[in-house]
């Protein structure tokens, strides 16, 4: 019997980790990166365009028996989802390039340690204010951060691996797009 087979329960499935390590798996397995790439939106538009293409096929088959106004509408109907599909496809290609750049940064072996403060400005979106490691928040309250990183906020679909402490040490990787790691977990930047 196959080792993954359990008695009477069918094939055993490996649990999907909500936060797979990007160094060990593909970026498409990380929910935040998957949604940011734009592939799901393009797939939805592909489904809409296929529906419109079926209506177009109906027009071709039943065209002579329909009134002229309805034929024009049915003829133009597939164009709207098709143009949206083209736009979403271009956005997905651009999004995939950006996601792959973030993954390249996150796969770098070492990050530069920074002391961080987790901030929530008026809008409520999380930001990491990065300070030098020797910065002491107790004594140096008016220090300016050396960098600000807007974090992807946790959602039901893409939750955070853990809630970071208000202050601590983050290892920041990269110089263009930066990717902070807190306690070994990646917190993806927004945008």
C-alpha atoms as a PDB file:
ATOM      1  CA  UNK A   1       0.000   0.000   0.000  1.00  0.00           C
ATOM      2  CA  UNK A   2       1.225   3.506  -0.799  1.00  0.00           C
ATOM      3  CA  UNK A   3       2.568   5.318   2.313  1.00  0.00           C
ATOM      4  CA  UNK A   4       0.267   8.307   1.742  1.00  0.00           C
ATOM      5  CA  UNK A   5      -2.798   6.055   1.733  1.00  0.00           C
ATOM      6  CA  UNK A   6      -4.727   5.857   4.980  1.00  0.00           C
ATOM      7  CA  UNK A   7      -7.026   3.026   5.863  1.00  0.00           C
ATOM      8  CA  UNK A   8     -10.460   3.855   4.520  1.00  0.00           C
ATOM      9  CA  UNK A   9      -9.951   7.589   4.086  1.00  0.00           C
ATOM     10  CA  UNK A  10      -8.747   7.894   0.489  1.00  0.00           C
ATOM     11  CA  UNK A  11      -5.556   9.690  -0.381  1.00  0.00           C
ATOM     12  CA  UNK A  12      -4.016  11.725   2.373  1.00  0.00           C
ATOM     13  CA  UNK A  13      -3.504  15.318   1.418  1.00  0.00           C
ATOM     14  CA  UNK A  14      -0.667  17.383   2.710  1.00  0.00           C
ATOM     15  CA  UNK A  15      -1.953  20.425   4.565  1.00  0.00           C
ATOM     16  CA  UNK A  16      -1.483  23.690   2.707  1.00  0.00           C
ATOM     17  CA  UNK A  17       0.619  26.009   4.798  1.00  0.00           C
ATOM     18  CA  UNK A  18      -0.888  29.497   5.024  1.00  0.00           C
ATOM     19  CA  UNK A  19       2.613  30.981   4.844  1.00  0.00           C
ATOM     20  CA  UNK A  20       4.924  28.698   2.917  1.00  0.00           C
ATOM     21  CA  UNK A  21       8.573  29.626   2.995  1.00  0.00           C
ATOM     22  CA  UNK A  22       9.279  31.396  -0.277  1.00  0.00           C
ATOM     23  CA  UNK A  23      12.844  30.108  -0.241  1.00  0.00           C
ATOM     24  CA  UNK A  24      11.610  26.521  -0.439  1.00  0.00           C
ATOM     25  CA  UNK A  25       8.504  26.727  -2.633  1.00  0.00           C
ATOM     26  CA  UNK A  26       7.221  28.619  -5.633  1.00  0.00           C
ATOM     27  CA  UNK A  27       5.902  32.159  -5.252  1.00  0.00           C
ATOM     28  CA  UNK A  28       2.467  31.055  -6.496  1.00  0.00           C
ATOM     29  CA  UNK A  29       2.035  29.080  -3.261  1.00  0.00           C
ATOM     30  CA  UNK A  30       2.213  32.265  -1.171  1.00  0.00           C
ATOM     31  CA  UNK A  31      -1.336  33.711  -1.076  1.00  0.00           C
ATOM     32  CA  UNK A  32      -0.271  37.372  -0.894  1.00  0.00           C
ATOM     33  CA  UNK A  33       1.957  37.018  -3.942  1.00  0.00           C
ATOM     34  CA  UNK A  34      -0.594  34.974  -5.871  1.00  0.00           C
ATOM     35  CA  UNK A  35      -3.264  37.652  -5.503  1.00  0.00           C
ATOM     36  CA  UNK A  36      -0.814  40.473  -6.130  1.00  0.00           C
ATOM     37  CA  UNK A  37       0.363  38.917  -9.402  1.00  0.00           C
ATOM     38  CA  UNK A  38      -2.980  39.576 -11.105  1.00  0.00           C
ATOM     39  CA  UNK A  39      -3.423  36.009 -12.332  1.00  0.00           C
ATOM     40  CA  UNK A  40      -6.781  35.430 -10.549  1.00  0.00           C
ATOM     41  CA  UNK A  41      -8.314  38.569 -12.083  1.00  0.00           C
ATOM     42  CA  UNK A  42      -7.115  37.544 -15.547  1.00  0.00           C
ATOM     43  CA  UNK A  43      -8.558  34.051 -15.038  1.00  0.00           C
ATOM     44  CA  UNK A  44     -11.941  35.527 -14.077  1.00  0.00           C
ATOM     45  CA  UNK A  45     -11.909  37.708 -17.188  1.00  0.00           C
ATOM     46  CA  UNK A  46     -11.000  34.672 -19.275  1.00  0.00           C
ATOM     47  CA  UNK A  47     -14.120  32.926 -17.956  1.00  0.00           C
ATOM     48  CA  UNK A  48     -16.252  35.980 -18.767  1.00  0.00           C
ATOM     49  CA  UNK A  49     -14.827  36.136 -22.264  1.00  0.00           C
ATOM     50  CA  UNK A  50     -15.552  32.456 -22.842  1.00  0.00           C
ATOM     51  CA  UNK A  51     -19.179  33.076 -21.868  1.00  0.00           C
ATOM     52  CA  UNK A  52     -19.345  35.946 -24.314  1.00  0.00           C
ATOM     53  CA  UNK A  53     -17.768  33.754 -26.987  1.00  0.00           C
ATOM     54  CA  UNK A  54     -20.566  31.206 -26.502  1.00  0.00           C
ATOM     55  CA  UNK A  55     -23.088  34.016 -27.036  1.00  0.00           C
ATOM     56  CA  UNK A  56     -21.211  34.968 -30.186  1.00  0.00           C
ATOM     57  CA  UNK A  57     -21.431  31.381 -31.420  1.00  0.00           C
ATOM     58  CA  UNK A  58     -25.173  31.497 -30.728  1.00  0.00           C
ATOM     59  CA  UNK A  59     -25.349  34.647 -32.848  1.00  0.00           C
ATOM     60  CA  UNK A  60     -23.597  32.936 -35.727  1.00  0.00           C
ATOM     61  CA  UNK A  61     -25.957  29.948 -35.576  1.00  0.00           C
ATOM     62  CA  UNK A  62     -29.213  31.822 -34.971  1.00  0.00           C
ATOM     63  CA  UNK A  63     -28.224  35.104 -36.629  1.00  0.00           C
ATOM     64  CA  UNK A  64     -30.614  35.317 -39.576  1.00  0.00           C
ATOM     65  CA  UNK A  65     -33.716  34.770 -37.419  1.00  0.00           C
ATOM     66  CA  UNK A  66     -32.864  37.558 -34.897  1.00  0.00           C
ATOM     67  CA  UNK A  67     -33.730  41.251 -35.276  1.00  0.00           C
ATOM     68  CA  UNK A  68     -30.909  43.486 -36.507  1.00  0.00           C
ATOM     69  CA  UNK A  69     -30.558  45.482 -33.252  1.00  0.00           C
ATOM     70  CA  UNK A  70     -30.172  42.299 -31.191  1.00  0.00           C
ATOM     71  CA  UNK A  71     -27.615  40.940 -33.656  1.00  0.00           C
ATOM     72  CA  UNK A  72     -25.522  44.119 -33.314  1.00  0.00           C
ATOM     73  CA  UNK A  73     -25.649  43.914 -29.516  1.00  0.00           C
ATOM     74  CA  UNK A  74     -24.716  40.225 -29.534  1.00  0.00           C
ATOM     75  CA  UNK A  75     -21.938  40.948 -32.004  1.00  0.00           C
ATOM     76  CA  UNK A  76     -20.414  43.680 -29.809  1.00  0.00           C
ATOM     77  CA  UNK A  77     -20.973  41.867 -26.506  1.00  0.00           C
ATOM     78  CA  UNK A  78     -17.815  39.676 -26.665  1.00  0.00           C
ATOM     79  CA  UNK A  79     -15.625  42.738 -27.293  1.00  0.00           C
ATOM     80  CA  UNK A  80     -16.059  44.197 -23.788  1.00  0.00           C
ATOM     81  CA  UNK A  81     -14.793  41.134 -21.889  1.00  0.00           C
ATOM     82  CA  UNK A  82     -12.124  40.578 -24.539  1.00  0.00           C
ATOM     83  CA  UNK A  83     -10.713  44.091 -24.085  1.00  0.00           C
ATOM     84  CA  UNK A  84     -10.888  43.646 -20.311  1.00  0.00           C
ATOM     85  CA  UNK A  85      -9.101  40.309 -20.713  1.00  0.00           C
ATOM     86  CA  UNK A  86      -6.318  42.003 -22.668  1.00  0.00           C
ATOM     87  CA  UNK A  87      -5.946  44.696 -19.975  1.00  0.00           C
ATOM     88  CA  UNK A  88      -6.000  42.130 -17.139  1.00  0.00           C
ATOM     89  CA  UNK A  89      -3.491  39.967 -19.005  1.00  0.00           C
ATOM     90  CA  UNK A  90      -1.095  42.891 -19.370  1.00  0.00           C
ATOM     91  CA  UNK A  91      -1.555  43.734 -15.680  1.00  0.00           C
ATOM     92  CA  UNK A  92      -0.855  40.090 -14.803  1.00  0.00           C
ATOM     93  CA  UNK A  93       2.347  40.088 -16.853  1.00  0.00           C
ATOM     94  CA  UNK A  94       3.518  43.264 -15.106  1.00  0.00           C
ATOM     95  CA  UNK A  95       2.395  41.895 -11.715  1.00  0.00           C
ATOM     96  CA  UNK A  96       4.253  38.631 -12.229  1.00  0.00           C
ATOM     97  CA  UNK A  97       7.446  40.580 -12.959  1.00  0.00           C
ATOM     98  CA  UNK A  98       7.050  42.629  -9.778  1.00  0.00           C
ATOM     99  CA  UNK A  99       6.283  39.574  -7.673  1.00  0.00           C
ATOM    100  CA  UNK A 100       9.306  37.740  -9.040  1.00  0.00           C
ATOM    101  CA  UNK A 101      11.492  40.759  -8.156  1.00  0.00           C
ATOM    102  CA  UNK A 102      10.172  40.645  -4.574  1.00  0.00           C
ATOM    103  CA  UNK A 103      10.844  36.913  -4.385  1.00  0.00           C
ATOM    104  CA  UNK A 104      14.416  37.395  -5.634  1.00  0.00           C
ATOM    105  CA  UNK A 105      14.937  39.912  -2.839  1.00  0.00           C
ATOM    106  CA  UNK A 106      13.331  37.634  -0.236  1.00  0.00           C
ATOM    107  CA  UNK A 107      15.568  34.724  -1.279  1.00  0.00           C
ATOM    108  CA  UNK A 108      18.754  36.621  -0.526  1.00  0.00           C
ATOM    109  CA  UNK A 109      20.720  34.804   2.157  1.00  0.00           C
ATOM    110  CA  UNK A 110      21.221  37.592   4.684  1.00  0.00           C
ATOM    111  CA  UNK A 111      19.364  40.714   5.624  1.00  0.00           C
ATOM    112  CA  UNK A 112      20.593  43.862   7.318  1.00  0.00           C
ATOM    113  CA  UNK A 113      19.344  44.054  10.911  1.00  0.00           C
ATOM    114  CA  UNK A 114      17.251  47.096  11.803  1.00  0.00           C
ATOM    115  CA  UNK A 115      15.279  47.971  14.860  1.00  0.00           C
ATOM    116  CA  UNK A 116      11.652  48.506  13.876  1.00  0.00           C
ATOM    117  CA  UNK A 117       8.509  50.092  15.231  1.00  0.00           C
ATOM    118  CA  UNK A 118       5.155  48.906  13.936  1.00  0.00           C
ATOM    119  CA  UNK A 119       3.011  51.965  13.261  1.00  0.00           C
ATOM    120  CA  UNK A 120      -0.595  52.452  12.231  1.00  0.00           C
ATOM    121  CA  UNK A 121      -1.112  55.974  10.837  1.00  0.00           C
ATOM    122  CA  UNK A 122      -4.529  57.593  10.443  1.00  0.00           C
ATOM    123  CA  UNK A 123      -5.503  55.292   7.564  1.00  0.00           C
ATOM    124  CA  UNK A 124      -5.006  52.219   9.713  1.00  0.00           C
ATOM    125  CA  UNK A 125      -2.637  50.445   7.316  1.00  0.00           C
ATOM    126  CA  UNK A 126       0.486  48.963   8.973  1.00  0.00           C
ATOM    127  CA  UNK A 127       3.925  50.531   8.415  1.00  0.00           C
ATOM    128  CA  UNK A 128       7.339  49.494   9.659  1.00  0.00           C
ATOM    129  CA  UNK A 129       9.548  52.382  10.695  1.00  0.00           C
ATOM    130  CA  UNK A 130      13.146  51.162  10.448  1.00  0.00           C
ATOM    131  CA  UNK A 131      15.899  52.514  12.688  1.00  0.00           C
ATOM    132  CA  UNK A 132      19.591  51.598  13.121  1.00  0.00           C
ATOM    133  CA  UNK A 133      20.215  48.651  15.422  1.00  0.00           C
ATOM    134  CA  UNK A 134      21.795  50.848  18.087  1.00  0.00           C
ATOM    135  CA  UNK A 135      18.647  53.035  18.283  1.00  0.00           C
ATOM    136  CA  UNK A 136      17.054  52.912  21.721  1.00  0.00           C
ATOM    137  CA  UNK A 137      13.347  53.843  21.588  1.00  0.00           C
ATOM    138  CA  UNK A 138      13.330  54.521  25.344  1.00  0.00           C
ATOM    139  CA  UNK A 139      15.907  57.327  25.284  1.00  0.00           C
ATOM    140  CA  UNK A 140      15.808  58.552  21.682  1.00  0.00           C
ATOM    141  CA  UNK A 141      12.121  59.379  21.155  1.00  0.00           C
ATOM    142  CA  UNK A 142      12.584  62.040  18.453  1.00  0.00           C
ATOM    143  CA  UNK A 143      14.851  59.990  16.146  1.00  0.00           C
ATOM    144  CA  UNK A 144      13.991  59.926  12.452  1.00  0.00           C
ATOM    145  CA  UNK A 145      13.611  56.496  10.823  1.00  0.00           C
ATOM    146  CA  UNK A 146      16.094  55.486   8.132  1.00  0.00           C
ATOM    147  CA  UNK A 147      13.305  53.845   6.179  1.00  0.00           C
ATOM    148  CA  UNK A 148       9.568  53.262   6.082  1.00  0.00           C
ATOM    149  CA  UNK A 149       8.040  50.092   4.681  1.00  0.00           C
ATOM    150  CA  UNK A 150       4.317  49.937   3.975  1.00  0.00           C
ATOM    151  CA  UNK A 151       3.235  46.391   4.837  1.00  0.00           C
ATOM    152  CA  UNK A 152       0.552  44.390   3.112  1.00  0.00           C
ATOM    153  CA  UNK A 153      -2.266  44.461   5.673  1.00  0.00           C
ATOM    154  CA  UNK A 154      -3.571  41.135   6.969  1.00  0.00           C
ATOM    155  CA  UNK A 155      -6.834  40.015   5.398  1.00  0.00           C
ATOM    156  CA  UNK A 156      -9.005  36.965   5.767  1.00  0.00           C
ATOM    157  CA  UNK A 157      -7.626  35.610   2.500  1.00  0.00           C
ATOM    158  CA  UNK A 158      -3.985  36.518   3.272  1.00  0.00           C
ATOM    159  CA  UNK A 159      -3.420  36.688   7.042  1.00  0.00           C
ATOM    160  CA  UNK A 160      -0.112  37.507   8.665  1.00  0.00           C
ATOM    161  CA  UNK A 161       1.994  34.554   9.884  1.00  0.00           C
ATOM    162  CA  UNK A 162       2.010  36.085  13.362  1.00  0.00           C
ATOM    163  CA  UNK A 163       1.304  39.486  14.795  1.00  0.00           C
ATOM    164  CA  UNK A 164       4.643  41.241  15.147  1.00  0.00           C
ATOM    165  CA  UNK A 165       5.525  42.920  18.390  1.00  0.00           C
ATOM    166  CA  UNK A 166       5.268  46.749  18.395  1.00  0.00           C
ATOM    167  CA  UNK A 167       9.078  46.993  18.459  1.00  0.00           C
ATOM    168  CA  UNK A 168      11.840  44.543  17.734  1.00  0.00           C
ATOM    169  CA  UNK A 169      14.533  43.545  15.267  1.00  0.00           C
ATOM    170  CA  UNK A 170      13.768  43.004  11.582  1.00  0.00           C
ATOM    171  CA  UNK A 171      16.199  41.725   8.985  1.00  0.00           C
ATOM    172  CA  UNK A 172      15.656  43.808   5.868  1.00  0.00           C
ATOM    173  CA  UNK A 173      16.647  42.366   2.517  1.00  0.00           C
ATOM    174  CA  UNK A 174      17.091  44.399  -0.656  1.00  0.00           C
ATOM    175  CA  UNK A 175      17.623  48.031  -1.559  1.00  0.00           C
ATOM    176  CA  UNK A 176      15.015  48.782  -4.260  1.00  0.00           C
ATOM    177  CA  UNK A 177      12.101  46.711  -3.122  1.00  0.00           C
ATOM    178  CA  UNK A 178      12.788  45.817   0.498  1.00  0.00           C
ATOM    179  CA  UNK A 179      11.412  42.735   2.220  1.00  0.00           C
ATOM    180  CA  UNK A 180      11.521  42.630   6.048  1.00  0.00           C
ATOM    181  CA  UNK A 181      11.771  39.386   8.017  1.00  0.00           C
ATOM    182  CA  UNK A 182      10.590  39.370  11.612  1.00  0.00           C
ATOM    183  CA  UNK A 183      11.323  36.231  13.639  1.00  0.00           C
ATOM    184  CA  UNK A 184      12.095  34.368  10.428  1.00  0.00           C
ATOM    185  CA  UNK A 185       8.761  35.189   8.732  1.00  0.00           C
ATOM    186  CA  UNK A 186       8.442  37.431   5.682  1.00  0.00           C
ATOM    187  CA  UNK A 187       6.156  40.451   5.906  1.00  0.00           C
ATOM    188  CA  UNK A 188       5.510  41.492   2.311  1.00  0.00           C
ATOM    189  CA  UNK A 189       5.577  45.178   1.421  1.00  0.00           C
ATOM    190  CA  UNK A 190       2.417  46.736   0.009  1.00  0.00           C
ATOM    191  CA  UNK A 191       2.129  47.651  -3.642  1.00  0.00           C
END
